[in-house]
Amino acid sequence: MNQEHSVPDTNGKRAIPRTVWMLGLVSLFMDLSSEMIHSLLPIFLVSGLGASVLAVGVIEGVAEAIALIVKVFSGAISDALGRRKGLLLAGYGLAALSKPLFPLAHSVTMVFAARFIDRIGKGIRGAPRDALVADVTPPRIRGAAFGLRQSMDTVGALLGPGLAVILMLAFTDIRHVLWFAVVPGIVAMGLLFWGVREAGPAPGRGRVFRSPIRWHAVRGLGAAYWRVVTIGAVFTLARFSEAFLILRGQDMGLSAAWAPVVLIVMSLFYTLSAYPAGWLSDRVPRTAVLASGLILLVLADLALAIDGGAWPLLAGAALWGLHMGFSQGILSAMVADTAPADMKGTAFGVFNLASGVCMLLASVLAGWLWQAWGPSATFLAGAVFAAVALLGLAMPAGRGRAA
């Protein structure tokens, strides 16, 4: 494997390669840009463009689903090409190009197009970026390298809504604030273009593209794997887009300027819980950790269903963030645990496809329930789906480490 030269640190150990640091900065600035927009977009759609909550659900559901589905194939394409940076430039470039479309939008259709382009970019860049981190990093520090890149991404996710609040208090007009999000997107592209270096041709360059989903082999994945897919699918139905948390904040009386605080609280608790939950899942059954995540989601939905003002809202956002920390990485680990060694690519491909479809259904259903019966119905339905997934964990498990 080609690895980027890394300089020994003061203790004589190999330092994390420069390319990983640069990819972390690229992630930080692009996430800052994206989260500035996403923390204000639901309010912009509903209050500024007159969209229904159902329309918000459709836009968010399609956007997040397409990101998951494209991600399934982008890694296999980068393996076939033997190069990563071209796909990274395409993925981050599409995201950067989409940013000006949001403040320019004067219709729901244009916002939908911008969101669609942005999420296609996210799907294209995800797997090649992680593959490049693996390419340039020695195995003994690979965990630290992935942790560093993810932590810098999370910093951007926290700074984006925070900056949105500050700018909204200063300018009040959402369109003006959305223009500021263009700047960190440009910075991210500059860092990627000039600062990130390819590791060299990856093994297998020039080989024929092979789909990561081999449908003829799917039936060989086993009962334990399909149990994880089923639980994950129901779980995804329970955790619709975070756009509904922002709309709930506005519904509870938060102004457009302060509504992004909901995402700040959620991201903070997600950040604080993700690593401890992953550490714990290596020492106790993963299903126990995932069950904790489902219980946290039920509690989050119940808190958000209460028309009780700021405290239930912030408690619900905090619990939502905790549930993500106790579930997102755990589900991926359970897929890896239960899939045959020679079919992990197919296993993750099928899992991501199922998750993408369910994310679309979840967000559309959430929007429909909100529009028909109010926000409390949306969050109560989420609690029911989470409880069903929790019951699924109690069913007898097949083979695999996940149980």
Protein backbone atom coordinates (compact mmCIF):
# COMPACT_ATOMS: atom_id res chain seq x y z
CA MET A 1 0.00 0.00 0.00
CA ASN A 2 1.24 3.50 -0.79
CA GLN A 3 1.54 5.63 2.30
CA GLU A 4 2.34 9.27 2.67
CA HIS A 5 5.54 10.08 4.51
CA SER A 6 4.84 11.08 8.11
CA VAL A 7 7.38 12.75 10.35
CA PRO A 8 8.11 11.15 13.75
CA ASP A 9 6.77 13.13 16.67
CA THR A 10 8.75 14.05 19.78
CA ASN A 11 8.20 10.60 21.29
CA GLY A 12 9.61 8.85 18.21
CA LYS A 13 6.22 7.64 17.02
CA ARG A 14 4.88 8.27 13.55
CA ALA A 15 2.73 11.38 13.46
CA ILE A 16 -0.60 11.55 11.68
CA PRO A 17 0.14 12.36 8.00
CA ARG A 18 -0.30 15.88 6.68
CA THR A 19 -2.93 14.73 4.18
CA VAL A 20 -5.17 13.55 7.02
CA TRP A 21 -4.89 16.94 8.73
CA MET A 22 -5.73 18.69 5.47
CA LEU A 23 -8.72 16.40 4.86
CA GLY A 24 -9.85 17.20 8.39
CA LEU A 25 -9.67 20.93 7.66
CA VAL A 26 -11.55 20.42 4.39
CA SER A 27 -14.27 18.55 6.29
CA LEU A 28 -14.37 21.25 8.99
CA PHE A 29 -14.88 24.14 6.56
CA MET A 30 -17.37 22.30 4.34
CA ASP A 31 -19.40 21.13 7.32
CA LEU A 32 -19.33 24.66 8.73
CA SER A 33 -20.74 25.90 5.42
CA SER A 34 -23.35 23.13 5.15
CA GLU A 35 -24.57 23.38 8.75
CA MET A 36 -24.95 27.16 8.52
CA ILE A 37 -27.40 26.51 5.70
CA HIS A 38 -29.09 23.42 7.12
CA SER A 39 -29.74 25.08 10.49
CA LEU A 40 -31.76 27.83 8.77
CA LEU A 41 -33.13 26.03 5.70
CA PRO A 42 -36.34 24.57 7.21
CA ILE A 43 -37.36 28.02 8.48
CA PHE A 44 -36.40 29.61 5.15
CA LEU A 45 -38.55 27.08 3.31
CA VAL A 46 -41.61 27.40 5.55
CA SER A 47 -41.51 31.08 6.51
CA GLY A 48 -39.69 32.56 3.52
CA LEU A 49 -40.95 30.48 0.59
CA GLY A 50 -44.28 29.28 1.97
CA ALA A 51 -43.47 25.57 1.76
CA SER A 52 -45.54 23.06 3.71
CA VAL A 53 -43.94 20.89 6.36
CA LEU A 54 -44.71 17.91 4.11
CA ALA A 55 -42.62 19.55 1.37
CA VAL A 56 -39.76 19.96 3.86
CA GLY A 57 -40.04 16.26 4.67
CA VAL A 58 -39.91 15.30 0.99
CA ILE A 59 -36.90 17.54 0.30
CA GLU A 60 -34.96 16.32 3.32
CA GLY A 61 -35.90 12.69 2.78
CA VAL A 62 -34.85 12.64 -0.88
CA ALA A 63 -31.65 14.55 -0.11
CA GLU A 64 -30.47 12.28 2.70
CA ALA A 65 -31.54 9.14 0.86
CA ILE A 66 -29.60 10.07 -2.27
CA ALA A 67 -26.46 10.74 -0.21
CA LEU A 68 -26.64 7.26 1.30
CA ILE A 69 -27.33 5.55 -2.01
CA VAL A 70 -24.59 7.36 -3.98
CA LYS A 71 -22.13 6.58 -1.18
CA VAL A 72 -22.68 2.87 -1.83
CA PHE A 73 -21.09 3.11 -5.28
CA SER A 74 -18.52 5.91 -4.97
CA GLY A 75 -16.03 3.81 -3.04
CA ALA A 76 -16.10 1.04 -5.64
CA ILE A 77 -15.59 3.61 -8.42
CA SER A 78 -12.55 5.07 -6.64
CA ASP A 79 -11.11 1.57 -6.25
CA ALA A 80 -11.58 0.93 -9.97
CA LEU A 81 -9.94 4.25 -10.88
CA GLY A 82 -7.11 3.72 -8.42
CA ARG A 83 -7.25 7.43 -7.57
CA ARG A 84 -9.19 9.27 -4.87
CA LYS A 85 -8.60 13.00 -5.30
CA GLY A 86 -10.59 13.38 -8.53
CA LEU A 87 -13.73 12.06 -6.87
CA LEU A 88 -13.04 14.22 -3.81
CA LEU A 89 -12.84 17.31 -6.01
CA ALA A 90 -16.07 16.30 -7.74
CA GLY A 91 -17.90 15.63 -4.48
CA TYR A 92 -16.74 18.69 -2.58
CA GLY A 93 -17.00 20.77 -5.75
CA LEU A 94 -20.68 19.93 -6.20
CA ALA A 95 -21.31 20.84 -2.56
CA ALA A 96 -19.48 24.17 -2.95
CA LEU A 97 -21.34 25.00 -6.18
CA SER A 98 -24.67 24.35 -4.49
CA LYS A 99 -24.11 26.94 -1.72
CA PRO A 100 -24.95 30.09 -3.74
CA LEU A 101 -28.14 28.45 -5.00
CA PHE A 102 -29.74 28.61 -1.54
CA PRO A 103 -29.71 32.42 -1.07
CA LEU A 104 -30.59 32.85 -4.77
CA ALA A 105 -33.60 30.51 -4.50
CA HIS A 106 -37.03 32.06 -4.97
CA SER A 107 -38.94 28.78 -5.16
CA VAL A 108 -39.15 25.51 -3.31
CA THR A 109 -38.09 23.73 -6.51
CA MET A 110 -34.78 25.63 -6.62
CA VAL A 111 -34.07 24.79 -2.98
CA PHE A 112 -34.82 21.15 -3.74
CA ALA A 113 -32.36 21.23 -6.66
CA ALA A 114 -29.66 22.84 -4.52
CA ARG A 115 -30.16 20.32 -1.71
CA PHE A 116 -30.11 17.45 -4.22
CA ILE A 117 -26.81 18.63 -5.73
CA ASP A 118 -25.30 19.15 -2.27
CA ARG A 119 -26.19 15.62 -1.10
CA ILE A 120 -24.98 13.99 -4.34
CA GLY A 121 -21.67 15.67 -3.59
CA LYS A 122 -21.71 14.27 -0.08
CA GLY A 123 -22.38 10.78 -1.40
CA ILE A 124 -19.57 11.01 -3.97
CA ARG A 125 -16.88 12.17 -1.54
CA GLY A 126 -17.52 10.07 1.56
CA ALA A 127 -16.06 6.68 0.68
CA PRO A 128 -13.07 7.95 -1.41
CA ARG A 129 -12.14 10.34 1.43
CA ASP A 130 -12.09 7.52 3.97
CA ALA A 131 -10.17 5.33 1.51
CA LEU A 132 -7.55 8.07 1.09
CA VAL A 133 -7.13 8.32 4.86
CA ALA A 134 -6.50 4.56 4.89
CA ASP A 135 -4.10 4.83 1.92
CA VAL A 136 -1.81 7.40 3.57
CA THR A 137 -1.90 6.16 7.17
CA PRO A 138 0.16 3.33 8.71
CA PRO A 139 -2.11 0.66 10.22
CA ARG A 140 -0.91 1.23 13.81
CA ILE A 141 -2.20 4.84 13.87
CA ARG A 142 -5.17 4.41 11.53
CA GLY A 143 -7.74 4.62 14.33
CA ALA A 144 -6.27 7.92 15.50
CA ALA A 145 -6.26 9.25 11.93
CA PHE A 146 -9.92 8.44 11.36
CA GLY A 147 -10.78 9.84 14.79
CA LEU A 148 -8.97 13.10 14.03
CA ARG A 149 -10.75 13.60 10.70
CA GLN A 150 -14.14 12.84 12.23
CA SER A 151 -13.54 15.14 15.20
CA MET A 152 -12.62 18.04 12.91
CA ASP A 153 -15.78 17.35 10.88
CA THR A 154 -17.78 17.55 14.12
CA VAL A 155 -16.17 20.87 15.03
CA GLY A 156 -17.55 22.25 11.78
CA ALA A 157 -20.98 20.84 12.60
CA LEU A 158 -20.91 22.72 15.91
CA LEU A 159 -19.51 25.98 14.54
CA GLY A 160 -21.97 26.18 11.63
CA PRO A 161 -25.19 26.62 13.64
CA GLY A 162 -23.35 28.81 16.17
CA LEU A 163 -22.19 31.16 13.42
CA ALA A 164 -25.69 31.13 11.94
CA VAL A 165 -27.10 32.38 15.28
CA ILE A 166 -24.52 35.19 15.50
CA LEU A 167 -25.08 36.30 11.91
CA MET A 168 -28.88 36.14 12.23
CA LEU A 169 -28.71 38.38 15.31
CA ALA A 170 -26.55 40.81 13.32
CA PHE A 171 -28.39 40.78 9.97
CA THR A 172 -31.85 39.22 10.69
CA ASP A 173 -32.38 38.44 6.99
CA ILE A 174 -31.89 34.73 6.26
CA ARG A 175 -30.81 35.30 2.65
CA HIS A 176 -27.96 37.55 3.77
CA VAL A 177 -26.76 34.94 6.24
CA LEU A 178 -26.96 32.16 3.65
CA TRP A 179 -24.53 34.11 1.47
CA PHE A 180 -21.91 33.91 4.24
CA ALA A 181 -22.00 30.10 3.93
CA VAL A 182 -20.45 30.37 0.46
CA VAL A 183 -17.10 31.53 1.92
CA PRO A 184 -16.12 28.45 3.97
CA GLY A 185 -17.15 26.28 1.02
CA ILE A 186 -14.62 28.10 -1.16
CA VAL A 187 -11.97 27.76 1.56
CA ALA A 188 -12.62 24.01 1.72
CA MET A 189 -12.10 23.66 -2.03
CA GLY A 190 -8.86 25.65 -1.89
CA LEU A 191 -7.51 23.44 0.90
CA LEU A 192 -8.48 20.32 -1.02
CA PHE A 193 -6.99 21.44 -4.33
CA TRP A 194 -3.66 22.73 -3.02
CA GLY A 195 -3.25 20.94 0.31
CA VAL A 196 -4.34 17.32 -0.24
CA ARG A 197 -1.91 15.01 -2.02
CA GLU A 198 -2.74 11.66 -3.57
CA ALA A 199 -0.96 8.68 -2.01
CA GLY A 200 -0.17 7.21 -5.43
CA PRO A 201 -2.14 4.70 -7.48
CA ALA A 202 -4.18 2.44 -5.24
CA PRO A 203 -3.93 -1.32 -5.76
CA GLY A 204 -6.17 -2.50 -8.61
CA ARG A 205 -6.00 0.67 -10.67
CA GLY A 206 -7.63 0.24 -14.04
CA ARG A 207 -9.64 -2.83 -13.13
CA VAL A 208 -13.21 -3.16 -14.33
CA PHE A 209 -15.76 -1.53 -12.06
CA ARG A 210 -17.48 -4.08 -9.84
CA SER A 211 -20.71 -3.18 -8.14
CA PRO A 212 -20.40 -3.26 -4.34
CA ILE A 213 -23.80 -4.97 -4.24
CA ARG A 214 -23.70 -8.47 -5.66
CA TRP A 215 -27.36 -9.35 -5.78
CA HIS A 216 -26.77 -13.01 -6.65
CA ALA A 217 -24.85 -13.39 -3.37
CA VAL A 218 -27.23 -11.46 -1.10
CA ARG A 219 -29.03 -14.59 0.03
CA GLY A 220 -25.79 -15.85 1.55
CA LEU A 221 -25.57 -13.04 4.09
CA GLY A 222 -27.27 -14.99 6.86
CA ALA A 223 -30.04 -14.50 9.42
CA ALA A 224 -27.98 -12.48 11.90
CA TYR A 225 -27.14 -9.91 9.22
CA TRP A 226 -30.73 -9.56 8.04
CA ARG A 227 -31.81 -9.07 11.64
CA VAL A 228 -29.43 -6.10 11.85
CA VAL A 229 -30.75 -4.70 8.53
CA THR A 230 -34.34 -5.02 9.75
CA ILE A 231 -33.61 -3.35 13.09
CA GLY A 232 -31.63 -0.62 11.32
CA ALA A 233 -34.46 -0.01 8.86
CA VAL A 234 -37.07 0.38 11.60
CA PHE A 235 -34.62 2.52 13.55
CA THR A 236 -34.20 4.79 10.52
CA LEU A 237 -37.98 5.15 10.25
CA ALA A 238 -37.87 6.47 13.83
CA ARG A 239 -35.08 9.04 13.24
CA PHE A 240 -36.33 11.33 10.52
CA SER A 241 -34.42 14.42 9.39
CA GLU A 242 -33.13 16.86 12.03
CA ALA A 243 -34.92 19.58 10.06
CA PHE A 244 -37.98 18.72 12.15
CA LEU A 245 -36.09 19.57 15.33
CA ILE A 246 -35.45 23.07 13.98
CA LEU A 247 -39.11 23.46 12.99
CA ARG A 248 -40.11 22.26 16.46
CA GLY A 249 -37.91 24.95 17.95
CA GLN A 250 -39.67 27.60 15.92
CA ASP A 251 -43.03 26.06 16.84
CA MET A 252 -42.03 26.32 20.51
CA GLY A 253 -41.43 30.04 20.14
CA LEU A 254 -37.75 30.34 19.18
CA SER A 255 -37.07 33.10 16.68
CA ALA A 256 -35.40 32.34 13.36
CA ALA A 257 -32.14 33.65 14.83
CA TRP A 258 -32.19 31.29 17.82
CA ALA A 259 -33.65 28.16 16.20
CA PRO A 260 -30.18 26.78 15.22
CA VAL A 261 -29.42 26.42 18.94
CA VAL A 262 -31.37 23.16 18.76
CA LEU A 263 -28.75 21.73 16.37
CA ILE A 264 -25.90 23.06 18.51
CA VAL A 265 -27.21 21.18 21.55
CA MET A 266 -27.82 18.02 19.51
CA SER A 267 -24.35 18.07 17.91
CA LEU A 268 -22.63 18.74 21.23
CA PHE A 269 -24.17 15.71 22.91
CA TYR A 270 -23.55 13.58 19.82
CA THR A 271 -19.88 14.57 19.92
CA LEU A 272 -19.54 13.85 23.64
CA SER A 273 -21.18 10.42 23.44
CA ALA A 274 -19.96 8.87 20.16
CA TYR A 275 -16.49 7.75 21.27
CA PRO A 276 -17.54 6.45 24.74
CA ALA A 277 -20.40 4.49 23.14
CA GLY A 278 -18.04 2.93 20.60
CA TRP A 279 -15.51 2.10 23.33
CA LEU A 280 -18.26 0.51 25.42
CA SER A 281 -19.55 -1.57 22.49
CA ASP A 282 -16.15 -3.31 22.27
CA ARG A 283 -16.57 -4.49 25.86
CA VAL A 284 -20.27 -5.36 26.22
CA PRO A 285 -22.77 -6.78 23.69
CA ARG A 286 -23.39 -4.21 20.97
CA THR A 287 -27.11 -4.87 21.19
CA ALA A 288 -27.05 -3.54 24.76
CA VAL A 289 -25.49 -0.27 23.61
CA LEU A 290 -27.92 0.00 20.68
CA ALA A 291 -30.83 -0.68 23.04
CA SER A 292 -29.65 2.28 25.12
CA GLY A 293 -29.67 4.38 21.96
CA LEU A 294 -33.24 3.33 21.17
CA ILE A 295 -34.38 4.14 24.71
CA LEU A 296 -32.73 7.57 24.39
CA LEU A 297 -34.57 8.12 21.10
CA VAL A 298 -37.92 7.21 22.68
CA LEU A 299 -37.22 9.69 25.50
CA ALA A 300 -36.14 12.35 23.00
CA ASP A 301 -39.32 11.95 20.97
CA LEU A 302 -41.50 12.08 24.07
CA ALA A 303 -39.76 15.26 25.26
CA LEU A 304 -40.14 16.87 21.85
CA ALA A 305 -43.81 15.89 21.72
CA ILE A 306 -44.51 17.97 24.84
CA ASP A 307 -45.77 21.51 24.28
CA GLY A 308 -43.82 22.74 27.28
CA GLY A 309 -41.52 25.47 26.09
CA ALA A 310 -37.75 25.69 25.94
CA TRP A 311 -36.69 23.09 28.52
CA PRO A 312 -38.42 20.04 26.99
CA LEU A 313 -37.18 21.22 23.59
CA LEU A 314 -33.53 21.45 24.71
CA ALA A 315 -33.81 18.19 26.66
CA GLY A 316 -35.21 16.50 23.56
CA ALA A 317 -32.37 17.86 21.42
CA ALA A 318 -29.77 16.66 23.95
CA LEU A 319 -31.34 13.19 24.12
CA TRP A 320 -31.50 13.08 20.30
CA GLY A 321 -27.77 13.78 20.15
CA LEU A 322 -27.07 11.08 22.74
CA HIS A 323 -29.13 8.55 20.80
CA MET A 324 -27.05 9.26 17.69
CA GLY A 325 -23.85 8.70 19.66
CA PHE A 326 -25.20 5.41 20.94
CA SER A 327 -26.43 4.14 17.58
CA GLN A 328 -24.77 5.37 14.38
CA GLY A 329 -21.36 3.76 14.78
CA ILE A 330 -22.85 0.79 16.62
CA LEU A 331 -25.09 -0.20 13.71
CA SER A 332 -22.10 -0.09 11.34
CA ALA A 333 -20.12 -2.28 13.71
CA MET A 334 -23.02 -4.75 13.91
CA VAL A 335 -23.13 -4.97 10.10
CA ALA A 336 -19.39 -5.72 10.06
CA ASP A 337 -19.79 -8.29 12.86
CA THR A 338 -22.54 -10.29 11.16
CA ALA A 339 -21.45 -10.15 7.50
CA PRO A 340 -19.22 -12.86 5.99
CA ALA A 341 -15.61 -11.71 5.60
CA ASP A 342 -15.72 -11.89 1.81
CA MET A 343 -19.05 -10.02 1.50
CA LYS A 344 -18.65 -6.94 3.69
CA GLY A 345 -18.86 -4.57 0.71
CA THR A 346 -22.14 -6.12 -0.37
CA ALA A 347 -23.38 -6.13 3.23
CA PHE A 348 -22.73 -2.41 3.73
CA GLY A 349 -24.16 -1.65 0.29
CA VAL A 350 -27.46 -3.37 1.03
CA PHE A 351 -27.59 -1.81 4.51
CA ASN A 352 -27.06 1.71 3.12
CA LEU A 353 -29.65 1.18 0.40
CA ALA A 354 -32.20 0.04 2.99
CA SER A 355 -31.32 2.99 5.23
CA GLY A 356 -31.66 5.43 2.33
CA VAL A 357 -35.12 4.18 1.39
CA CYS A 358 -36.27 4.26 5.02
CA MET A 359 -34.87 7.76 5.56
CA LEU A 360 -36.96 8.96 2.62
CA LEU A 361 -40.09 7.26 3.98
CA ALA A 362 -39.42 8.53 7.51
CA SER A 363 -39.07 12.18 6.53
CA VAL A 364 -42.11 12.13 4.21
CA LEU A 365 -44.19 10.43 6.91
CA ALA A 366 -42.97 12.92 9.52
CA GLY A 367 -43.98 15.84 7.31
CA TRP A 368 -47.38 14.33 6.57
CA LEU A 369 -48.12 13.65 10.25
CA TRP A 370 -47.04 17.17 11.21
CA GLN A 371 -49.25 18.71 8.55
CA ALA A 372 -52.26 16.51 9.32
CA TRP A 373 -52.14 16.22 13.13
CA GLY A 374 -49.44 18.56 14.38
CA PRO A 375 -45.85 18.24 15.57
CA SER A 376 -46.66 16.11 18.61
CA ALA A 377 -48.00 13.37 16.33
CA THR A 378 -44.73 13.34 14.37
CA PHE A 379 -42.58 12.79 17.46
CA LEU A 380 -44.99 10.30 19.05
CA ALA A 381 -44.87 8.23 15.84
CA GLY A 382 -41.07 8.33 16.03
CA ALA A 383 -41.24 7.02 19.59
CA VAL A 384 -43.46 4.14 18.43
CA PHE A 385 -41.04 3.13 15.65
CA ALA A 386 -38.11 3.29 18.09
CA ALA A 387 -40.02 1.07 20.53
CA VAL A 388 -40.70 -1.44 17.74
CA ALA A 389 -36.99 -1.53 16.89
CA LEU A 390 -36.24 -2.03 20.60
CA LEU A 391 -38.59 -5.03 20.65
CA GLY A 392 -36.74 -6.40 17.62
CA LEU A 393 -33.53 -6.43 19.64
CA ALA A 394 -35.20 -8.73 22.15
CA MET A 395 -35.83 -11.37 19.48
CA PRO A 396 -33.49 -14.41 19.40
CA ALA A 397 -30.35 -13.57 17.42
CA GLY A 398 -28.62 -15.61 14.73
CA ARG A 399 -24.90 -16.05 14.50
CA GLY A 400 -22.56 -13.09 14.89
CA ARG A 401 -20.83 -10.85 17.40
CA ALA A 402 -23.70 -8.33 17.40
CA ALA A 403 -25.68 -10.32 19.96
